[in-house]
Structure formats: structure tokens, C-alpha cells
Amino acid sequence: MKKYVCDVCGWEYDEEKGYPEGGIAPGTKWEDVPEDFECPLCLVGKDQFSEE
């Protein structure tokens, strides 16, 4: 399982934990996160995240 970090604000998406508050189940791989996903803190898109 990998982690991805928002390049703008530093919010972290952890594949192991998912993002249940946003409807993304634990264990969801980054490539399976919807393309219209936005950072919950600064609202940038998936293209602004980097693998940690």
C-alpha cells in the first residue's frame, strides 16, 4: 500500500486507510480513486498529488 501527498498543502492519502469521510473505502488504490477527486483541504485535483 502506498501513500500520496498533496503537493499544495501536504494532505496525505494513505491507500491502507482510504478516505471514508469522502466515500473512499480503506484499501482503495490511488488509481481507483475517482478522477474528479479533490484534496479535502485545498481542493486541488488528483494531478497535484505525488507518491510519497
PDB file of N, CA and C in Angstrom:
ATOM      1  N   MET A   1       0.840  -1.180   0.000  1.00  0.00           N
ATOM      2  CA  MET A   1       0.000   0.000   0.000  1.00  0.00           C
ATOM      3  C   MET A   1       0.889   1.249   0.000  1.00  0.00           C
ATOM      4  N   LYS A   2       0.466   2.223  -0.777  1.00  0.00           N
ATOM      5  CA  LYS A   2       1.262   3.441  -0.931  1.00  0.00           C
ATOM      6  C   LYS A   2       0.550   4.632  -0.319  1.00  0.00           C
ATOM      7  N   LYS A   3       1.286   5.725  -0.218  1.00  0.00           N
ATOM      8  CA  LYS A   3       0.741   6.990   0.253  1.00  0.00           C
ATOM      9  C   LYS A   3       1.007   8.048  -0.803  1.00  0.00           C
ATOM     10  N   TYR A   4       0.079   8.969  -0.921  1.00  0.00           N
ATOM     11  CA  TYR A   4       0.190  10.068  -1.876  1.00  0.00           C
ATOM     12  C   TYR A   4      -0.048  11.373  -1.126  1.00  0.00           C
ATOM     13  N   VAL A   5       0.769  12.376  -1.430  1.00  0.00           N
ATOM     14  CA  VAL A   5       0.718  13.645  -0.708  1.00  0.00           C
ATOM     15  C   VAL A   5       0.364  14.780  -1.661  1.00  0.00           C
ATOM     16  N   CYS A   6      -0.531  15.648  -1.192  1.00  0.00           N
ATOM     17  CA  CYS A   6      -0.909  16.830  -1.963  1.00  0.00           C
ATOM     18  C   CYS A   6       0.296  17.758  -2.045  1.00  0.00           C
ATOM     19  N   ASP A   7       0.688  18.113  -3.263  1.00  0.00           N
ATOM     20  CA  ASP A   7       1.845  18.986  -3.478  1.00  0.00           C
ATOM     21  C   ASP A   7       1.591  20.403  -2.975  1.00  0.00           C
ATOM     22  N   VAL A   8       0.324  20.780  -2.840  1.00  0.00           N
ATOM     23  CA  VAL A   8      -0.018  22.150  -2.465  1.00  0.00           C
ATOM     24  C   VAL A   8      -0.058  22.322  -0.942  1.00  0.00           C
ATOM     25  N   CYS A   9      -0.774  21.416  -0.245  1.00  0.00           N
ATOM     26  CA  CYS A   9      -0.971  21.629   1.195  1.00  0.00           C
ATOM     27  C   CYS A   9      -0.399  20.527   2.086  1.00  0.00           C
ATOM     28  N   GLY A  10      -0.012  19.393   1.504  1.00  0.00           N
ATOM     29  CA  GLY A  10       0.591  18.338   2.298  1.00  0.00           C
ATOM     30  C   GLY A  10      -0.368  17.289   2.843  1.00  0.00           C
ATOM     31  N   TRP A  11      -1.678  17.398   2.524  1.00  0.00           N
ATOM     32  CA  TRP A  11      -2.628  16.372   2.958  1.00  0.00           C
ATOM     33  C   TRP A  11      -2.220  15.032   2.368  1.00  0.00           C
ATOM     34  N   GLU A  12      -2.345  13.972   3.141  1.00  0.00           N
ATOM     35  CA  GLU A  12      -1.879  12.655   2.719  1.00  0.00           C
ATOM     36  C   GLU A  12      -3.032  11.689   2.487  1.00  0.00           C
ATOM     37  N   TYR A  13      -2.999  11.014   1.349  1.00  0.00           N
ATOM     38  CA  TYR A  13      -3.924   9.914   1.092  1.00  0.00           C
ATOM     39  C   TYR A  13      -3.160   8.622   1.282  1.00  0.00           C
ATOM     40  N   ASP A  14      -3.612   7.801   2.218  1.00  0.00           N
ATOM     41  CA  ASP A  14      -2.999   6.512   2.532  1.00  0.00           C
ATOM     42  C   ASP A  14      -3.928   5.427   1.994  1.00  0.00           C
ATOM     43  N   GLU A  15      -3.443   4.640   1.024  1.00  0.00           N
ATOM     44  CA  GLU A  15      -4.280   3.601   0.423  1.00  0.00           C
ATOM     45  C   GLU A  15      -4.825   2.636   1.477  1.00  0.00           C
ATOM     46  N   GLU A  16      -4.043   2.358   2.493  1.00  0.00           N
ATOM     47  CA  GLU A  16      -4.459   1.421   3.535  1.00  0.00           C
ATOM     48  C   GLU A  16      -5.670   1.952   4.310  1.00  0.00           C
ATOM     49  N   LYS A  17      -5.669   3.270   4.584  1.00  0.00           N
ATOM     50  CA  LYS A  17      -6.741   3.883   5.371  1.00  0.00           C
ATOM     51  C   LYS A  17      -7.905   4.365   4.517  1.00  0.00           C
ATOM     52  N   GLY A  18      -7.643   4.657   3.228  1.00  0.00           N
ATOM     53  CA  GLY A  18      -8.674   5.227   2.377  1.00  0.00           C
ATOM     54  C   GLY A  18      -9.042   6.623   2.859  1.00  0.00           C
ATOM     55  N   TYR A  19     -10.239   7.031   2.520  1.00  0.00           N
ATOM     56  CA  TYR A  19     -10.770   8.324   2.971  1.00  0.00           C
ATOM     57  C   TYR A  19     -12.275   8.147   3.179  1.00  0.00           C
ATOM     58  N   PRO A  20     -12.640   7.403   4.255  1.00  0.00           N
ATOM     59  CA  PRO A  20     -14.050   7.080   4.488  1.00  0.00           C
ATOM     60  C   PRO A  20     -14.963   8.302   4.538  1.00  0.00           C
ATOM     61  N   GLU A  21     -14.456   9.425   5.066  1.00  0.00           N
ATOM     62  CA  GLU A  21     -15.257  10.647   5.150  1.00  0.00           C
ATOM     63  C   GLU A  21     -15.663  11.138   3.763  1.00  0.00           C
ATOM     64  N   GLY A  22     -14.866  10.773   2.766  1.00  0.00           N
ATOM     65  CA  GLY A  22     -15.152  11.179   1.399  1.00  0.00           C
ATOM     66  C   GLY A  22     -15.705  10.044   0.546  1.00  0.00           C
ATOM     67  N   GLY A  23     -16.064   8.936   1.193  1.00  0.00           N
ATOM     68  CA  GLY A  23     -16.670   7.818   0.478  1.00  0.00           C
ATOM     69  C   GLY A  23     -15.673   6.879  -0.178  1.00  0.00           C
ATOM     70  N   ILE A  24     -14.405   6.945   0.213  1.00  0.00           N
ATOM     71  CA  ILE A  24     -13.379   6.073  -0.368  1.00  0.00           C
ATOM     72  C   ILE A  24     -12.970   5.054   0.693  1.00  0.00           C
ATOM     73  N   ALA A  25     -13.284   3.800   0.430  1.00  0.00           N
ATOM     74  CA  ALA A  25     -13.088   2.731   1.410  1.00  0.00           C
ATOM     75  C   ALA A  25     -11.610   2.453   1.678  1.00  0.00           C
ATOM     76  N   PRO A  26     -11.293   2.005   2.899  1.00  0.00           N
ATOM     77  CA  PRO A  26      -9.927   1.566   3.185  1.00  0.00           C
ATOM     78  C   PRO A  26      -9.495   0.493   2.186  1.00  0.00           C
ATOM     79  N   GLY A  27      -8.235   0.554   1.786  1.00  0.00           N
ATOM     80  CA  GLY A  27      -7.713  -0.412   0.826  1.00  0.00           C
ATOM     81  C   GLY A  27      -7.869   0.011  -0.628  1.00  0.00           C
ATOM     82  N   THR A  28      -8.461   1.192  -0.874  1.00  0.00           N
ATOM     83  CA  THR A  28      -8.657   1.673  -2.239  1.00  0.00           C
ATOM     84  C   THR A  28      -7.348   2.213  -2.798  1.00  0.00           C
ATOM     85  N   LYS A  29      -6.884   1.609  -3.887  1.00  0.00           N
ATOM     86  CA  LYS A  29      -5.642   2.057  -4.525  1.00  0.00           C
ATOM     87  C   LYS A  29      -5.871   3.425  -5.161  1.00  0.00           C
ATOM     88  N   TRP A  30      -4.796   4.202  -5.236  1.00  0.00           N
ATOM     89  CA  TRP A  30      -4.866   5.570  -5.782  1.00  0.00           C
ATOM     90  C   TRP A  30      -5.450   5.588  -7.181  1.00  0.00           C
ATOM     91  N   GLU A  31      -5.058   4.617  -8.003  1.00  0.00           N
ATOM     92  CA  GLU A  31      -5.583   4.608  -9.383  1.00  0.00           C
ATOM     93  C   GLU A  31      -7.083   4.321  -9.429  1.00  0.00           C
ATOM     94  N   ASP A  32      -7.636   3.792  -8.326  1.00  0.00           N
ATOM     95  CA  ASP A  32      -9.070   3.517  -8.266  1.00  0.00           C
ATOM     96  C   ASP A  32      -9.870   4.643  -7.611  1.00  0.00           C
ATOM     97  N   VAL A  33      -9.167   5.649  -7.099  1.00  0.00           N
ATOM     98  CA  VAL A  33      -9.845   6.836  -6.569  1.00  0.00           C
ATOM     99  C   VAL A  33     -10.416   7.591  -7.777  1.00  0.00           C
ATOM    100  N   PRO A  34     -11.665   8.055  -7.693  1.00  0.00           N
ATOM    101  CA  PRO A  34     -12.277   8.744  -8.851  1.00  0.00           C
ATOM    102  C   PRO A  34     -11.415   9.890  -9.393  1.00  0.00           C
ATOM    103  N   GLU A  35     -11.444  10.058 -10.699  1.00  0.00           N
ATOM    104  CA  GLU A  35     -10.642  11.094 -11.354  1.00  0.00           C
ATOM    105  C   GLU A  35     -11.039  12.503 -10.914  1.00  0.00           C
ATOM    106  N   ASP A  36     -12.285  12.666 -10.451  1.00  0.00           N
ATOM    107  CA  ASP A  36     -12.727  14.002 -10.035  1.00  0.00           C
ATOM    108  C   ASP A  36     -12.463  14.259  -8.543  1.00  0.00           C
ATOM    109  N   PHE A  37     -11.666  13.380  -7.914  1.00  0.00           N
ATOM    110  CA  PHE A  37     -11.303  13.554  -6.506  1.00  0.00           C
ATOM    111  C   PHE A  37     -10.594  14.891  -6.317  1.00  0.00           C
ATOM    112  N   GLU A  38     -10.930  15.581  -5.224  1.00  0.00           N
ATOM    113  CA  GLU A  38     -10.272  16.834  -4.866  1.00  0.00           C
ATOM    114  C   GLU A  38      -9.710  16.710  -3.459  1.00  0.00           C
ATOM    115  N   CYS A  39      -8.566  17.323  -3.232  1.00  0.00           N
ATOM    116  CA  CYS A  39      -7.976  17.362  -1.903  1.00  0.00           C
ATOM    117  C   CYS A  39      -9.000  17.962  -0.932  1.00  0.00           C
ATOM    118  N   PRO A  40      -9.273  17.283   0.196  1.00  0.00           N
ATOM    119  CA  PRO A  40     -10.273  17.806   1.123  1.00  0.00           C
ATOM    120  C   PRO A  40      -9.866  19.107   1.812  1.00  0.00           C
ATOM    121  N   LEU A  41      -8.594  19.450   1.793  1.00  0.00           N
ATOM    122  CA  LEU A  41      -8.156  20.684   2.443  1.00  0.00           C
ATOM    123  C   LEU A  41      -8.071  21.870   1.489  1.00  0.00           C
ATOM    124  N   CYS A  42      -7.475  21.653   0.305  1.00  0.00           N
ATOM    125  CA  CYS A  42      -7.247  22.809  -0.580  1.00  0.00           C
ATOM    126  C   CYS A  42      -7.938  22.687  -1.935  1.00  0.00           C
ATOM    127  N   LEU A  43      -8.621  21.563  -2.164  1.00  0.00           N
ATOM    128  CA  LEU A  43      -9.490  21.365  -3.335  1.00  0.00           C
ATOM    129  C   LEU A  43      -8.788  21.242  -4.684  1.00  0.00           C
ATOM    130  N   VAL A  44      -7.476  20.952  -4.694  1.00  0.00           N
ATOM    131  CA  VAL A  44      -6.823  20.698  -5.981  1.00  0.00           C
ATOM    132  C   VAL A  44      -7.128  19.258  -6.414  1.00  0.00           C
ATOM    133  N   GLY A  45      -6.908  18.965  -7.682  1.00  0.00           N
ATOM    134  CA  GLY A  45      -7.222  17.660  -8.234  1.00  0.00           C
ATOM    135  C   GLY A  45      -6.143  16.618  -8.001  1.00  0.00           C
ATOM    136  N   LYS A  46      -6.458  15.380  -8.438  1.00  0.00           N
ATOM    137  CA  LYS A  46      -5.523  14.247  -8.288  1.00  0.00           C
ATOM    138  C   LYS A  46      -4.173  14.497  -8.928  1.00  0.00           C
ATOM    139  N   ASP A  47      -4.140  15.302  -9.967  1.00  0.00           N
ATOM    140  CA  ASP A  47      -2.891  15.562 -10.672  1.00  0.00           C
ATOM    141  C   ASP A  47      -1.904  16.373  -9.839  1.00  0.00           C
ATOM    142  N   GLN A  48      -2.363  16.888  -8.698  1.00  0.00           N
ATOM    143  CA  GLN A  48      -1.494  17.674  -7.832  1.00  0.00           C
ATOM    144  C   GLN A  48      -0.961  16.858  -6.644  1.00  0.00           C
ATOM    145  N   PHE A  49      -1.065  15.520  -6.748  1.00  0.00           N
ATOM    146  CA  PHE A  49      -0.566  14.627  -5.705  1.00  0.00           C
ATOM    147  C   PHE A  49       0.669  13.886  -6.204  1.00  0.00           C
ATOM    148  N   SER A  50       1.584  13.619  -5.287  1.00  0.00           N
ATOM    149  CA  SER A  50       2.804  12.866  -5.610  1.00  0.00           C
ATOM    150  C   SER A  50       2.903  11.657  -4.704  1.00  0.00           C
ATOM    151  N   GLU A  51       3.444  10.570  -5.240  1.00  0.00           N
ATOM    152  CA  GLU A  51       3.656   9.374  -4.429  1.00  0.00           C
ATOM    153  C   GLU A  51       4.720   9.672  -3.394  1.00  0.00           C
ATOM    154  N   GLU A  52       4.452   9.250  -2.160  1.00  0.00           N
ATOM    155  CA  GLU A  52       5.401   9.504  -1.065  1.00  0.00           C
ATOM    156  C   GLU A  52       6.470   8.446  -1.042  1.00  0.00           C
TER     157      GLU A  52
END
